[in-house]
Amino acid sequence: MAKKLVFTAMSKRRYYLKGHVAKLVFDQGSIPLNPFLCYDYFLLDTVDRDKVREANFELISRCDELWVFGEVSDGVLKEILFAKNRGIPIRYFKIVDEPLKFIEISEEEVEYEEEALEILRRLRK
């Protein structure tokens, strides 16, 4: 049976957890596609963010699911909206720091960074 390919989305504020997130996806029997592992930290900020987002959208379109970890940033929100538009299933995980663990939560329980909240407010008008 083919394994699911999972795009893992998280704020750059959680970059340091990229390996732990990849391990969780492997432990759940899927294959992680983590942009922080693909392009390091956006190639040391030498590549325009819009190009990185385009690349991420292309990768998401090829994945079976999108998994969101921690607080949603503006970039992650755009990835969520992209996945929803294409009917790609989304799972959300809260990050507990000590001891480190990932807890699956509902979409209603997701926390947002301020920039993402501004985008949501504009979309709801």
PDB file of N, CA and C in Angstrom:
ATOM      1  N   MET A   1       0.846  -1.177   0.000  1.00  0.00           N
ATOM      2  CA  MET A   1       0.000   0.000   0.000  1.00  0.00           C
ATOM      3  C   MET A   1       0.896   1.246   0.000  1.00  0.00           C
ATOM      4  N   ALA A   2       0.541   2.214  -0.810  1.00  0.00           N
ATOM      5  CA  ALA A   2       1.314   3.460  -0.887  1.00  0.00           C
ATOM      6  C   ALA A   2       1.096   4.289   0.374  1.00  0.00           C
ATOM      7  N   LYS A   3       2.163   4.899   0.842  1.00  0.00           N
ATOM      8  CA  LYS A   3       2.068   5.754   2.027  1.00  0.00           C
ATOM      9  C   LYS A   3       1.626   7.149   1.618  1.00  0.00           C
ATOM     10  N   LYS A   4       0.948   7.830   2.545  1.00  0.00           N
ATOM     11  CA  LYS A   4       0.520   9.204   2.296  1.00  0.00           C
ATOM     12  C   LYS A   4       1.721  10.130   2.320  1.00  0.00           C
ATOM     13  N   LEU A   5       1.711  11.098   1.422  1.00  0.00           N
ATOM     14  CA  LEU A   5       2.705  12.159   1.399  1.00  0.00           C
ATOM     15  C   LEU A   5       2.090  13.356   2.112  1.00  0.00           C
ATOM     16  N   VAL A   6       2.749  13.840   3.174  1.00  0.00           N
ATOM     17  CA  VAL A   6       2.196  14.876   4.039  1.00  0.00           C
ATOM     18  C   VAL A   6       3.080  16.119   4.000  1.00  0.00           C
ATOM     19  N   PHE A   7       2.486  17.246   3.614  1.00  0.00           N
ATOM     20  CA  PHE A   7       3.179  18.534   3.695  1.00  0.00           C
ATOM     21  C   PHE A   7       3.028  19.037   5.117  1.00  0.00           C
ATOM     22  N   THR A   8       4.137  19.358   5.765  1.00  0.00           N
ATOM     23  CA  THR A   8       4.097  19.853   7.142  1.00  0.00           C
ATOM     24  C   THR A   8       4.299  21.362   7.139  1.00  0.00           C
ATOM     25  N   ALA A   9       3.337  22.064   7.693  1.00  0.00           N
ATOM     26  CA  ALA A   9       3.362  23.532   7.709  1.00  0.00           C
ATOM     27  C   ALA A   9       3.527  24.032   9.135  1.00  0.00           C
ATOM     28  N   MET A  10       4.426  25.003   9.292  1.00  0.00           N
ATOM     29  CA  MET A  10       4.618  25.613  10.604  1.00  0.00           C
ATOM     30  C   MET A  10       5.254  26.980  10.430  1.00  0.00           C
ATOM     31  N   SER A  11       5.014  27.835  11.393  1.00  0.00           N
ATOM     32  CA  SER A  11       5.589  29.168  11.405  1.00  0.00           C
ATOM     33  C   SER A  11       7.109  29.083  11.482  1.00  0.00           C
ATOM     34  N   LYS A  12       7.775  30.078  10.899  1.00  0.00           N
ATOM     35  CA  LYS A  12       9.237  30.109  10.997  1.00  0.00           C
ATOM     36  C   LYS A  12       9.685  30.199  12.456  1.00  0.00           C
ATOM     37  N   ARG A  13       8.793  30.624  13.320  1.00  0.00           N
ATOM     38  CA  ARG A  13       9.119  30.670  14.756  1.00  0.00           C
ATOM     39  C   ARG A  13       9.300  29.278  15.335  1.00  0.00           C
ATOM     40  N   ARG A  14       8.815  28.265  14.629  1.00  0.00           N
ATOM     41  CA  ARG A  14       8.940  26.875  15.084  1.00  0.00           C
ATOM     42  C   ARG A  14       9.922  26.071  14.225  1.00  0.00           C
ATOM     43  N   TYR A  15      10.708  26.750  13.443  1.00  0.00           N
ATOM     44  CA  TYR A  15      11.703  26.142  12.553  1.00  0.00           C
ATOM     45  C   TYR A  15      12.529  25.071  13.251  1.00  0.00           C
ATOM     46  N   TYR A  16      12.912  25.347  14.477  1.00  0.00           N
ATOM     47  CA  TYR A  16      13.798  24.452  15.224  1.00  0.00           C
ATOM     48  C   TYR A  16      13.178  23.077  15.488  1.00  0.00           C
ATOM     49  N   LEU A  17      11.871  22.930  15.248  1.00  0.00           N
ATOM     50  CA  LEU A  17      11.189  21.649  15.476  1.00  0.00           C
ATOM     51  C   LEU A  17      11.057  20.805  14.211  1.00  0.00           C
ATOM     52  N   LYS A  18      11.659  21.245  13.129  1.00  0.00           N
ATOM     53  CA  LYS A  18      11.457  20.580  11.834  1.00  0.00           C
ATOM     54  C   LYS A  18      11.758  19.075  11.869  1.00  0.00           C
ATOM     55  N   GLY A  19      12.815  18.680  12.540  1.00  0.00           N
ATOM     56  CA  GLY A  19      13.149  17.257  12.623  1.00  0.00           C
ATOM     57  C   GLY A  19      12.154  16.474  13.462  1.00  0.00           C
ATOM     58  N   HIS A  20      11.691  17.062  14.552  1.00  0.00           N
ATOM     59  CA  HIS A  20      10.702  16.396  15.410  1.00  0.00           C
ATOM     60  C   HIS A  20       9.388  16.202  14.665  1.00  0.00           C
ATOM     61  N   VAL A  21       9.005  17.213  13.882  1.00  0.00           N
ATOM     62  CA  VAL A  21       7.764  17.125  13.099  1.00  0.00           C
ATOM     63  C   VAL A  21       7.890  16.025  12.046  1.00  0.00           C
ATOM     64  N   ALA A  22       9.025  15.982  11.356  1.00  0.00           N
ATOM     65  CA  ALA A  22       9.238  14.936  10.343  1.00  0.00           C
ATOM     66  C   ALA A  22       9.156  13.549  10.992  1.00  0.00           C
ATOM     67  N   LYS A  23       9.765  13.388  12.159  1.00  0.00           N
ATOM     68  CA  LYS A  23       9.727  12.104  12.858  1.00  0.00           C
ATOM     69  C   LYS A  23       8.286  11.706  13.207  1.00  0.00           C
ATOM     70  N   LEU A  24       7.485  12.671  13.671  1.00  0.00           N
ATOM     71  CA  LEU A  24       6.091  12.367  14.000  1.00  0.00           C
ATOM     72  C   LEU A  24       5.356  11.829  12.774  1.00  0.00           C
ATOM     73  N   VAL A  25       5.549  12.458  11.642  1.00  0.00           N
ATOM     74  CA  VAL A  25       4.869  12.012  10.417  1.00  0.00           C
ATOM     75  C   VAL A  25       5.325  10.602  10.045  1.00  0.00           C
ATOM     76  N   PHE A  26       6.638  10.360  10.100  1.00  0.00           N
ATOM     77  CA  PHE A  26       7.141   9.000   9.836  1.00  0.00           C
ATOM     78  C   PHE A  26       6.544   8.003  10.827  1.00  0.00           C
ATOM     79  N   ASP A  27       6.510   8.376  12.118  1.00  0.00           N
ATOM     80  CA  ASP A  27       5.974   7.484  13.152  1.00  0.00           C
ATOM     81  C   ASP A  27       4.508   7.151  12.914  1.00  0.00           C
ATOM     82  N   GLN A  28       3.772   8.038  12.232  1.00  0.00           N
ATOM     83  CA  GLN A  28       2.362   7.781  11.952  1.00  0.00           C
ATOM     84  C   GLN A  28       2.159   7.080  10.609  1.00  0.00           C
ATOM     85  N   GLY A  29       3.252   6.624  10.007  1.00  0.00           N
ATOM     86  CA  GLY A  29       3.164   5.810   8.804  1.00  0.00           C
ATOM     87  C   GLY A  29       3.073   6.575   7.499  1.00  0.00           C
ATOM     88  N   SER A  30       3.376   7.865   7.532  1.00  0.00           N
ATOM     89  CA  SER A  30       3.332   8.675   6.310  1.00  0.00           C
ATOM     90  C   SER A  30       4.724   9.209   5.993  1.00  0.00           C
ATOM     91  N   ILE A  31       4.841   9.887   4.869  1.00  0.00           N
ATOM     92  CA  ILE A  31       6.111  10.460   4.431  1.00  0.00           C
ATOM     93  C   ILE A  31       6.018  11.974   4.539  1.00  0.00           C
ATOM     94  N   PRO A  32       6.905  12.605   5.329  1.00  0.00           N
ATOM     95  CA  PRO A  32       6.846  14.061   5.496  1.00  0.00           C
ATOM     96  C   PRO A  32       7.509  14.802   4.344  1.00  0.00           C
ATOM     97  N   LEU A  33       6.898  15.901   3.963  1.00  0.00           N
ATOM     98  CA  LEU A  33       7.502  16.843   3.029  1.00  0.00           C
ATOM     99  C   LEU A  33       7.545  18.172   3.779  1.00  0.00           C
ATOM    100  N   ASN A  34       8.715  18.518   4.287  1.00  0.00           N
ATOM    101  CA  ASN A  34       8.869  19.674   5.154  1.00  0.00           C
ATOM    102  C   ASN A  34       9.698  20.739   4.434  1.00  0.00           C
ATOM    103  N   PRO A  35       9.109  21.914   4.155  1.00  0.00           N
ATOM    104  CA  PRO A  35       9.849  22.929   3.397  1.00  0.00           C
ATOM    105  C   PRO A  35      11.122  23.391   4.094  1.00  0.00           C
ATOM    106  N   PHE A  36      11.145  23.366   5.428  1.00  0.00           N
ATOM    107  CA  PHE A  36      12.357  23.770   6.144  1.00  0.00           C
ATOM    108  C   PHE A  36      13.483  22.762   5.931  1.00  0.00           C
ATOM    109  N   LEU A  37      13.134  21.518   5.663  1.00  0.00           N
ATOM    110  CA  LEU A  37      14.149  20.523   5.353  1.00  0.00           C
ATOM    111  C   LEU A  37      14.497  20.539   3.869  1.00  0.00           C
ATOM    112  N   CYS A  38      13.554  20.949   3.032  1.00  0.00           N
ATOM    113  CA  CYS A  38      13.812  21.027   1.586  1.00  0.00           C
ATOM    114  C   CYS A  38      14.704  22.216   1.222  1.00  0.00           C
ATOM    115  N   TYR A  39      14.411  23.361   1.798  1.00  0.00           N
ATOM    116  CA  TYR A  39      15.142  24.567   1.426  1.00  0.00           C
ATOM    117  C   TYR A  39      15.869  25.187   2.609  1.00  0.00           C
ATOM    118  N   ASP A  40      16.228  24.385   3.578  1.00  0.00           N
ATOM    119  CA  ASP A  40      16.843  24.883   4.804  1.00  0.00           C
ATOM    120  C   ASP A  40      15.969  26.003   5.346  1.00  0.00           C
ATOM    121  N   TYR A  41      16.492  27.058   5.811  1.00  0.00           N
ATOM    122  CA  TYR A  41      15.651  28.154   6.316  1.00  0.00           C
ATOM    123  C   TYR A  41      15.469  29.164   5.189  1.00  0.00           C
ATOM    124  N   PHE A  42      14.661  28.779   4.191  1.00  0.00           N
ATOM    125  CA  PHE A  42      14.415  29.572   2.993  1.00  0.00           C
ATOM    126  C   PHE A  42      15.717  30.065   2.389  1.00  0.00           C
ATOM    127  N   LEU A  43      16.675  29.127   2.336  1.00  0.00           N
ATOM    128  CA  LEU A  43      17.983  29.401   1.734  1.00  0.00           C
ATOM    129  C   LEU A  43      18.616  30.636   2.348  1.00  0.00           C
ATOM    130  N   LEU A  44      18.593  30.651   3.683  1.00  0.00           N
ATOM    131  CA  LEU A  44      19.203  31.739   4.462  1.00  0.00           C
ATOM    132  C   LEU A  44      18.597  33.094   4.120  1.00  0.00           C
ATOM    133  N   ASP A  45      17.299  33.094   3.809  1.00  0.00           N
ATOM    134  CA  ASP A  45      16.571  34.317   3.450  1.00  0.00           C
ATOM    135  C   ASP A  45      17.125  35.017   2.214  1.00  0.00           C
ATOM    136  N   THR A  46      17.708  34.241   1.286  1.00  0.00           N
ATOM    137  CA  THR A  46      18.246  34.817   0.044  1.00  0.00           C
ATOM    138  C   THR A  46      17.282  34.678  -1.128  1.00  0.00           C
ATOM    139  N   VAL A  47      16.159  33.978  -0.913  1.00  0.00           N
ATOM    140  CA  VAL A  47      15.161  33.778  -1.970  1.00  0.00           C
ATOM    141  C   VAL A  47      13.894  34.522  -1.574  1.00  0.00           C
ATOM    142  N   ASP A  48      13.325  35.218  -2.514  1.00  0.00           N
ATOM    143  CA  ASP A  48      12.087  35.963  -2.283  1.00  0.00           C
ATOM    144  C   ASP A  48      10.999  35.043  -1.729  1.00  0.00           C
ATOM    145  N   ARG A  49      10.318  35.513  -0.692  1.00  0.00           N
ATOM    146  CA  ARG A  49       9.289  34.697  -0.034  1.00  0.00           C
ATOM    147  C   ARG A  49       8.182  34.258  -0.986  1.00  0.00           C
ATOM    148  N   ASP A  50       7.829  35.102  -1.963  1.00  0.00           N
ATOM    149  CA  ASP A  50       6.777  34.716  -2.913  1.00  0.00           C
ATOM    150  C   ASP A  50       7.212  33.514  -3.751  1.00  0.00           C
ATOM    151  N   LYS A  51       8.497  33.434  -4.095  1.00  0.00           N
ATOM    152  CA  LYS A  51       8.993  32.262  -4.840  1.00  0.00           C
ATOM    153  C   LYS A  51       8.920  31.012  -3.974  1.00  0.00           C
ATOM    154  N   VAL A  52       9.252  31.175  -2.710  1.00  0.00           N
ATOM    155  CA  VAL A  52       9.171  30.037  -1.787  1.00  0.00           C
ATOM    156  C   VAL A  52       7.717  29.594  -1.636  1.00  0.00           C
ATOM    157  N   ARG A  53       6.799  30.562  -1.506  1.00  0.00           N
ATOM    158  CA  ARG A  53       5.373  30.205  -1.389  1.00  0.00           C
ATOM    159  C   ARG A  53       4.878  29.482  -2.640  1.00  0.00           C
ATOM    160  N   GLU A  54       5.291  29.954  -3.819  1.00  0.00           N
ATOM    161  CA  GLU A  54       4.913  29.269  -5.068  1.00  0.00           C
ATOM    162  C   GLU A  54       5.391  27.825  -5.047  1.00  0.00           C
ATOM    163  N   ALA A  55       6.623  27.627  -4.630  1.00  0.00           N
ATOM    164  CA  ALA A  55       7.180  26.269  -4.556  1.00  0.00           C
ATOM    165  C   ALA A  55       6.384  25.437  -3.555  1.00  0.00           C
ATOM    166  N   ASN A  56       6.058  26.039  -2.405  1.00  0.00           N
ATOM    167  CA  ASN A  56       5.269  25.317  -1.401  1.00  0.00           C
ATOM    168  C   ASN A  56       3.901  24.937  -1.939  1.00  0.00           C
ATOM    169  N   PHE A  57       3.248  25.841  -2.657  1.00  0.00           N
ATOM    170  CA  PHE A  57       1.939  25.519  -3.235  1.00  0.00           C
ATOM    171  C   PHE A  57       2.049  24.342  -4.203  1.00  0.00           C
ATOM    172  N   GLU A  58       3.098  24.321  -4.994  1.00  0.00           N
ATOM    173  CA  GLU A  58       3.294  23.210  -5.933  1.00  0.00           C
ATOM    174  C   GLU A  58       3.470  21.897  -5.166  1.00  0.00           C
ATOM    175  N   LEU A  59       4.261  21.946  -4.089  1.00  0.00           N
ATOM    176  CA  LEU A  59       4.457  20.737  -3.284  1.00  0.00           C
ATOM    177  C   LEU A  59       3.152  20.296  -2.613  1.00  0.00           C
ATOM    178  N   ILE A  60       2.421  21.249  -2.061  1.00  0.00           N
ATOM    179  CA  ILE A  60       1.142  20.921  -1.411  1.00  0.00           C
ATOM    180  C   ILE A  60       0.196  20.267  -2.406  1.00  0.00           C
ATOM    181  N   SER A  61       0.168  20.760  -3.624  1.00  0.00           N
ATOM    182  CA  SER A  61      -0.752  20.207  -4.628  1.00  0.00           C
ATOM    183  C   SER A  61      -0.435  18.744  -4.946  1.00  0.00           C
ATOM    184  N   ARG A  62       0.767  18.303  -4.644  1.00  0.00           N
ATOM    185  CA  ARG A  62       1.164  16.922  -4.906  1.00  0.00           C
ATOM    186  C   ARG A  62       1.026  16.024  -3.678  1.00  0.00           C
ATOM    187  N   CYS A  63       0.666  16.622  -2.547  1.00  0.00           N
ATOM    188  CA  CYS A  63       0.562  15.869  -1.286  1.00  0.00           C
ATOM    189  C   CYS A  63      -0.852  15.358  -1.061  1.00  0.00           C
ATOM    190  N   ASP A  64      -0.929  14.334  -0.223  1.00  0.00           N
ATOM    191  CA  ASP A  64      -2.227  13.762   0.140  1.00  0.00           C
ATOM    192  C   ASP A  64      -2.888  14.535   1.265  1.00  0.00           C
ATOM    193  N   GLU A  65      -2.071  15.121   2.153  1.00  0.00           N
ATOM    194  CA  GLU A  65      -2.604  15.867   3.294  1.00  0.00           C
ATOM    195  C   GLU A  65      -1.675  17.021   3.644  1.00  0.00           C
ATOM    196  N   LEU A  66      -2.245  17.990   4.358  1.00  0.00           N
ATOM    197  CA  LEU A  66      -1.482  19.097   4.938  1.00  0.00           C
ATOM    198  C   LEU A  66      -1.631  18.986   6.446  1.00  0.00           C
ATOM    199  N   TRP A  67      -0.512  18.970   7.171  1.00  0.00           N
ATOM    200  CA  TRP A  67      -0.546  18.954   8.625  1.00  0.00           C
ATOM    201  C   TRP A  67       0.040  20.267   9.113  1.00  0.00           C
ATOM    202  N   VAL A  68      -0.668  20.933   9.995  1.00  0.00           N
ATOM    203  CA  VAL A  68      -0.284  22.253  10.499  1.00  0.00           C
ATOM    204  C   VAL A  68       0.154  22.110  11.953  1.00  0.00           C
ATOM    205  N   PHE A  69       1.314  22.666  12.268  1.00  0.00           N
ATOM    206  CA  PHE A  69       1.886  22.541  13.605  1.00  0.00           C
ATOM    207  C   PHE A  69       2.028  23.903  14.262  1.00  0.00           C
ATOM    208  N   GLY A  70       1.429  24.042  15.441  1.00  0.00           N
ATOM    209  CA  GLY A  70       1.590  25.255  16.231  1.00  0.00           C
ATOM    210  C   GLY A  70       0.758  26.416  15.724  1.00  0.00           C
ATOM    211  N   GLU A  71       1.143  27.601  16.162  1.00  0.00           N
ATOM    212  CA  GLU A  71       0.441  28.829  15.810  1.00  0.00           C
ATOM    213  C   GLU A  71       0.556  29.078  14.298  1.00  0.00           C
ATOM    214  N   VAL A  72      -0.534  29.532  13.702  1.00  0.00           N
ATOM    215  CA  VAL A  72      -0.585  29.744  12.260  1.00  0.00           C
ATOM    216  C   VAL A  72      -0.070  31.144  11.928  1.00  0.00           C
ATOM    217  N   SER A  73       0.939  31.196  11.078  1.00  0.00           N
ATOM    218  CA  SER A  73       1.484  32.463  10.590  1.00  0.00           C
ATOM    219  C   SER A  73       0.737  32.865   9.320  1.00  0.00           C
ATOM    220  N   ASP A  74       1.059  34.030   8.792  1.00  0.00           N
ATOM    221  CA  ASP A  74       0.414  34.458   7.546  1.00  0.00           C
ATOM    222  C   ASP A  74       0.735  33.511   6.395  1.00  0.00           C
ATOM    223  N   GLY A  75       1.984  33.039   6.320  1.00  0.00           N
ATOM    224  CA  GLY A  75       2.362  32.104   5.258  1.00  0.00           C
ATOM    225  C   GLY A  75       1.661  30.767   5.385  1.00  0.00           C
ATOM    226  N   VAL A  76       1.567  30.264   6.598  1.00  0.00           N
ATOM    227  CA  VAL A  76       0.879  28.992   6.827  1.00  0.00           C
ATOM    228  C   VAL A  76      -0.610  29.145   6.528  1.00  0.00           C
ATOM    229  N   LEU A  77      -1.185  30.282   6.875  1.00  0.00           N
ATOM    230  CA  LEU A  77      -2.594  30.521   6.560  1.00  0.00           C
ATOM    231  C   LEU A  77      -2.821  30.444   5.052  1.00  0.00           C
ATOM    232  N   LYS A  78      -1.927  31.012   4.276  1.00  0.00           N
ATOM    233  CA  LYS A  78      -2.052  30.934   2.814  1.00  0.00           C
ATOM    234  C   LYS A  78      -1.965  29.490   2.340  1.00  0.00           C
ATOM    235  N   GLU A  79      -1.113  28.690   2.980  1.00  0.00           N
ATOM    236  CA  GLU A  79      -1.022  27.275   2.616  1.00  0.00           C
ATOM    237  C   GLU A  79      -2.305  26.534   2.982  1.00  0.00           C
ATOM    238  N   ILE A  80      -2.885  26.865   4.120  1.00  0.00           N
ATOM    239  CA  ILE A  80      -4.162  26.253   4.519  1.00  0.00           C
ATOM    240  C   ILE A  80      -5.249  26.592   3.515  1.00  0.00           C
ATOM    241  N   LEU A  81      -5.354  27.862   3.151  1.00  0.00           N
ATOM    242  CA  LEU A  81      -6.376  28.288   2.190  1.00  0.00           C
ATOM    243  C   LEU A  81      -6.174  27.606   0.842  1.00  0.00           C
ATOM    244  N   PHE A  82      -4.924  27.477   0.420  1.00  0.00           N
ATOM    245  CA  PHE A  82      -4.604  26.794  -0.834  1.00  0.00           C
ATOM    246  C   PHE A  82      -5.081  25.342  -0.777  1.00  0.00           C
ATOM    247  N   ALA A  83      -4.746  24.646   0.319  1.00  0.00           N
ATOM    248  CA  ALA A  83      -5.138  23.237   0.459  1.00  0.00           C
ATOM    249  C   ALA A  83      -6.661  23.087   0.500  1.00  0.00           C
ATOM    250  N   LYS A  84      -7.327  23.968   1.249  1.00  0.00           N
ATOM    251  CA  LYS A  84      -8.796  23.905   1.331  1.00  0.00           C
ATOM    252  C   LYS A  84      -9.421  24.076  -0.054  1.00  0.00           C
ATOM    253  N   ASN A  85      -8.879  24.992  -0.818  1.00  0.00           N
ATOM    254  CA  ASN A  85      -9.371  25.265  -2.167  1.00  0.00           C
ATOM    255  C   ASN A  85      -9.287  24.034  -3.060  1.00  0.00           C
ATOM    256  N   ARG A  86      -8.356  23.167  -2.781  1.00  0.00           N
ATOM    257  CA  ARG A  86      -8.134  21.973  -3.597  1.00  0.00           C
ATOM    258  C   ARG A  86      -8.683  20.706  -2.953  1.00  0.00           C
ATOM    259  N   GLY A  87      -9.350  20.859  -1.821  1.00  0.00           N
ATOM    260  CA  GLY A  87      -9.947  19.699  -1.165  1.00  0.00           C
ATOM    261  C   GLY A  87      -8.940  18.773  -0.510  1.00  0.00           C
ATOM    262  N   ILE A  88      -7.766  19.284  -0.190  1.00  0.00           N
ATOM    263  CA  ILE A  88      -6.733  18.476   0.461  1.00  0.00           C
ATOM    264  C   ILE A  88      -7.030  18.432   1.959  1.00  0.00           C
ATOM    265  N   PRO A  89      -7.110  17.242   2.541  1.00  0.00           N
ATOM    266  CA  PRO A  89      -7.397  17.135   3.977  1.00  0.00           C
ATOM    267  C   PRO A  89      -6.319  17.829   4.816  1.00  0.00           C
ATOM    268  N   ILE A  90      -6.762  18.447   5.915  1.00  0.00           N
ATOM    269  CA  ILE A  90      -5.858  19.190   6.798  1.00  0.00           C
ATOM    270  C   ILE A  90      -6.033  18.682   8.220  1.00  0.00           C
ATOM    271  N   ARG A  91      -4.901  18.467   8.885  1.00  0.00           N
ATOM    272  CA  ARG A  91      -4.894  18.118  10.312  1.00  0.00           C
ATOM    273  C   ARG A  91      -4.120  19.205  11.049  1.00  0.00           C
ATOM    274  N   TYR A  92      -4.526  19.484  12.275  1.00  0.00           N
ATOM    275  CA  TYR A  92      -3.907  20.546  13.078  1.00  0.00           C
ATOM    276  C   TYR A  92      -3.336  19.959  14.366  1.00  0.00           C
ATOM    277  N   PHE A  93      -2.151  20.460  14.747  1.00  0.00           N
ATOM    278  CA  PHE A  93      -1.486  19.976  15.946  1.00  0.00           C
ATOM    279  C   PHE A  93      -1.025  21.149  16.801  1.00  0.00           C
ATOM    280  N   LYS A  94      -1.351  21.066  18.076  1.00  0.00           N
ATOM    281  CA  LYS A  94      -0.848  22.018  19.062  1.00  0.00           C
ATOM    282  C   LYS A  94       0.524  21.517  19.506  1.00  0.00           C
ATOM    283  N   ILE A  95       1.430  22.445  19.781  1.00  0.00           N
ATOM    284  CA  ILE A  95       2.758  22.079  20.250  1.00  0.00           C
ATOM    285  C   ILE A  95       2.847  22.380  21.738  1.00  0.00           C
ATOM    286  N   VAL A  96       3.171  21.360  22.500  1.00  0.00           N
ATOM    287  CA  VAL A  96       3.430  21.518  23.935  1.00  0.00           C
ATOM    288  C   VAL A  96       4.943  21.425  24.085  1.00  0.00           C
ATOM    289  N   ASP A  97       5.533  22.455  24.709  1.00  0.00           N
ATOM    290  CA  ASP A  97       6.990  22.546  24.726  1.00  0.00           C
ATOM    291  C   ASP A  97       7.689  21.629  25.727  1.00  0.00           C
ATOM    292  N   GLU A  98       7.194  21.526  26.949  1.00  0.00           N
ATOM    293  CA  GLU A  98       7.937  20.731  27.926  1.00  0.00           C
ATOM    294  C   GLU A  98       7.022  19.789  28.679  1.00  0.00           C
ATOM    295  N   PRO A  99       7.161  18.506  28.504  1.00  0.00           N
ATOM    296  CA  PRO A  99       8.025  17.878  27.517  1.00  0.00           C
ATOM    297  C   PRO A  99       7.405  18.039  26.121  1.00  0.00           C
ATOM    298  N   LEU A 100       8.249  18.033  25.101  1.00  0.00           N
ATOM    299  CA  LEU A 100       7.773  18.253  23.737  1.00  0.00           C
ATOM    300  C   LEU A 100       6.793  17.169  23.327  1.00  0.00           C
ATOM    301  N   LYS A 101       5.614  17.616  22.884  1.00  0.00           N
ATOM    302  CA  LYS A 101       4.639  16.688  22.304  1.00  0.00           C
ATOM    303  C   LYS A 101       3.719  17.455  21.375  1.00  0.00           C
ATOM    304  N   PHE A 102       3.137  16.715  20.465  1.00  0.00           N
ATOM    305  CA  PHE A 102       2.208  17.269  19.484  1.00  0.00           C
ATOM    306  C   PHE A 102       0.842  16.663  19.762  1.00  0.00           C
ATOM    307  N   ILE A 103      -0.151  17.526  19.932  1.00  0.00           N
ATOM    308  CA  ILE A 103      -1.504  17.075  20.247  1.00  0.00           C
ATOM    309  C   ILE A 103      -2.429  17.506  19.118  1.00  0.00           C
ATOM    310  N   GLU A 104      -3.104  16.538  18.505  1.00  0.00           N
ATOM    311  CA  GLU A 104      -4.027  16.891  17.423  1.00  0.00           C
ATOM    312  C   GLU A 104      -5.215  17.652  17.997  1.00  0.00           C
ATOM    313  N   ILE A 105      -5.578  18.738  17.316  1.00  0.00           N
ATOM    314  CA  ILE A 105      -6.687  19.597  17.745  1.00  0.00           C
ATOM    315  C   ILE A 105      -7.616  19.848  16.555  1.00  0.00           C
ATOM    316  N   SER A 106      -8.771  20.428  16.852  1.00  0.00           N
ATOM    317  CA  SER A 106      -9.713  20.793  15.794  1.00  0.00           C
ATOM    318  C   SER A 106      -9.311  22.145  15.206  1.00  0.00           C
ATOM    319  N   GLU A 107      -9.864  22.456  14.064  1.00  0.00           N
ATOM    320  CA  GLU A 107      -9.591  23.748  13.429  1.00  0.00           C
ATOM    321  C   GLU A 107     -10.022  24.904  14.329  1.00  0.00           C
ATOM    322  N   GLU A 108     -11.080  24.698  15.081  1.00  0.00           N
ATOM    323  CA  GLU A 108     -11.586  25.755  15.963  1.00  0.00           C
ATOM    324  C   GLU A 108     -10.623  26.070  17.107  1.00  0.00           C
ATOM    325  N   GLU A 109      -9.744  25.153  17.427  1.00  0.00           N
ATOM    326  CA  GLU A 109      -8.795  25.342  18.532  1.00  0.00           C
ATOM    327  C   GLU A 109      -7.466  25.963  18.093  1.00  0.00           C
ATOM    328  N   VAL A 110      -7.293  26.176  16.813  1.00  0.00           N
ATOM    329  CA  VAL A 110      -6.029  26.698  16.277  1.00  0.00           C
ATOM    330  C   VAL A 110      -5.785  28.119  16.773  1.00  0.00           C
ATOM    331  N   GLU A 111      -4.526  28.407  17.099  1.00  0.00           N
ATOM    332  CA  GLU A 111      -4.114  29.758  17.481  1.00  0.00           C
ATOM    333  C   GLU A 111      -3.402  30.398  16.285  1.00  0.00           C
ATOM    334  N   TYR A 112      -3.552  31.721  16.165  1.00  0.00           N
ATOM    335  CA  TYR A 112      -3.005  32.451  15.026  1.00  0.00           C
ATOM    336  C   TYR A 112      -2.050  33.542  15.485  1.00  0.00           C
ATOM    337  N   GLU A 113      -0.989  33.745  14.697  1.00  0.00           N
ATOM    338  CA  GLU A 113      -0.116  34.890  14.917  1.00  0.00           C
ATOM    339  C   GLU A 113      -0.862  36.135  14.435  1.00  0.00           C
ATOM    340  N   GLU A 114      -0.462  37.294  14.897  1.00  0.00           N
ATOM    341  CA  GLU A 114      -1.179  38.545  14.619  1.00  0.00           C
ATOM    342  C   GLU A 114      -1.355  38.815  13.125  1.00  0.00           C
ATOM    343  N   GLU A 115      -0.312  38.573  12.324  1.00  0.00           N
ATOM    344  CA  GLU A 115      -0.410  38.840  10.876  1.00  0.00           C
ATOM    345  C   GLU A 115      -1.476  37.958  10.227  1.00  0.00           C
ATOM    346  N   ALA A 116      -1.565  36.721  10.674  1.00  0.00           N
ATOM    347  CA  ALA A 116      -2.578  35.808  10.138  1.00  0.00           C
ATOM    348  C   ALA A 116      -3.975  36.232  10.565  1.00  0.00           C
ATOM    349  N   LEU A 117      -4.104  36.716  11.788  1.00  0.00           N
ATOM    350  CA  LEU A 117      -5.409  37.214  12.252  1.00  0.00           C
ATOM    351  C   LEU A 117      -5.881  38.388  11.403  1.00  0.00           C
ATOM    352  N   GLU A 118      -4.979  39.254  11.019  1.00  0.00           N
ATOM    353  CA  GLU A 118      -5.336  40.394  10.155  1.00  0.00           C
ATOM    354  C   GLU A 118      -5.873  39.906   8.816  1.00  0.00           C
ATOM    355  N   ILE A 119      -5.234  38.912   8.247  1.00  0.00           N
ATOM    356  CA  ILE A 119      -5.696  38.350   6.970  1.00  0.00           C
ATOM    357  C   ILE A 119      -7.086  37.753   7.144  1.00  0.00           C
ATOM    358  N   LEU A 120      -7.286  37.001   8.213  1.00  0.00           N
ATOM    359  CA  LEU A 120      -8.605  36.402   8.473  1.00  0.00           C
ATOM    360  C   LEU A 120      -9.683  37.460   8.634  1.00  0.00           C
ATOM    361  N   ARG A 121      -9.370  38.539   9.330  1.00  0.00           N
ATOM    362  CA  ARG A 121     -10.338  39.633   9.489  1.00  0.00           C
ATOM    363  C   ARG A 121     -10.724  40.226   8.149  1.00  0.00           C
ATOM    364  N   ARG A 122      -9.743  40.441   7.285  1.00  0.00           N
ATOM    365  CA  ARG A 122     -10.025  41.002   5.951  1.00  0.00           C
ATOM    366  C   ARG A 122     -10.874  40.036   5.128  1.00  0.00           C
ATOM    367  N   LEU A 123     -10.605  38.754   5.228  1.00  0.00           N
ATOM    368  CA  LEU A 123     -11.353  37.747   4.454  1.00  0.00           C
ATOM    369  C   LEU A 123     -12.804  37.641   4.921  1.00  0.00           C
ATOM    370  N   ARG A 124     -13.040  37.893   6.187  1.00  0.00           N
ATOM    371  CA  ARG A 124     -14.379  37.751   6.745  1.00  0.00           C
ATOM    372  C   ARG A 124     -15.257  38.963   6.477  1.00  0.00           C
ATOM    373  N   LYS A 125     -14.680  40.057   6.001  1.00  0.00           N
ATOM    374  CA  LYS A 125     -15.471  41.262   5.737  1.00  0.00           C
ATOM    375  C   LYS A 125     -16.267  41.130   4.464  1.00  0.00           C
TER     376      LYS A 125
END
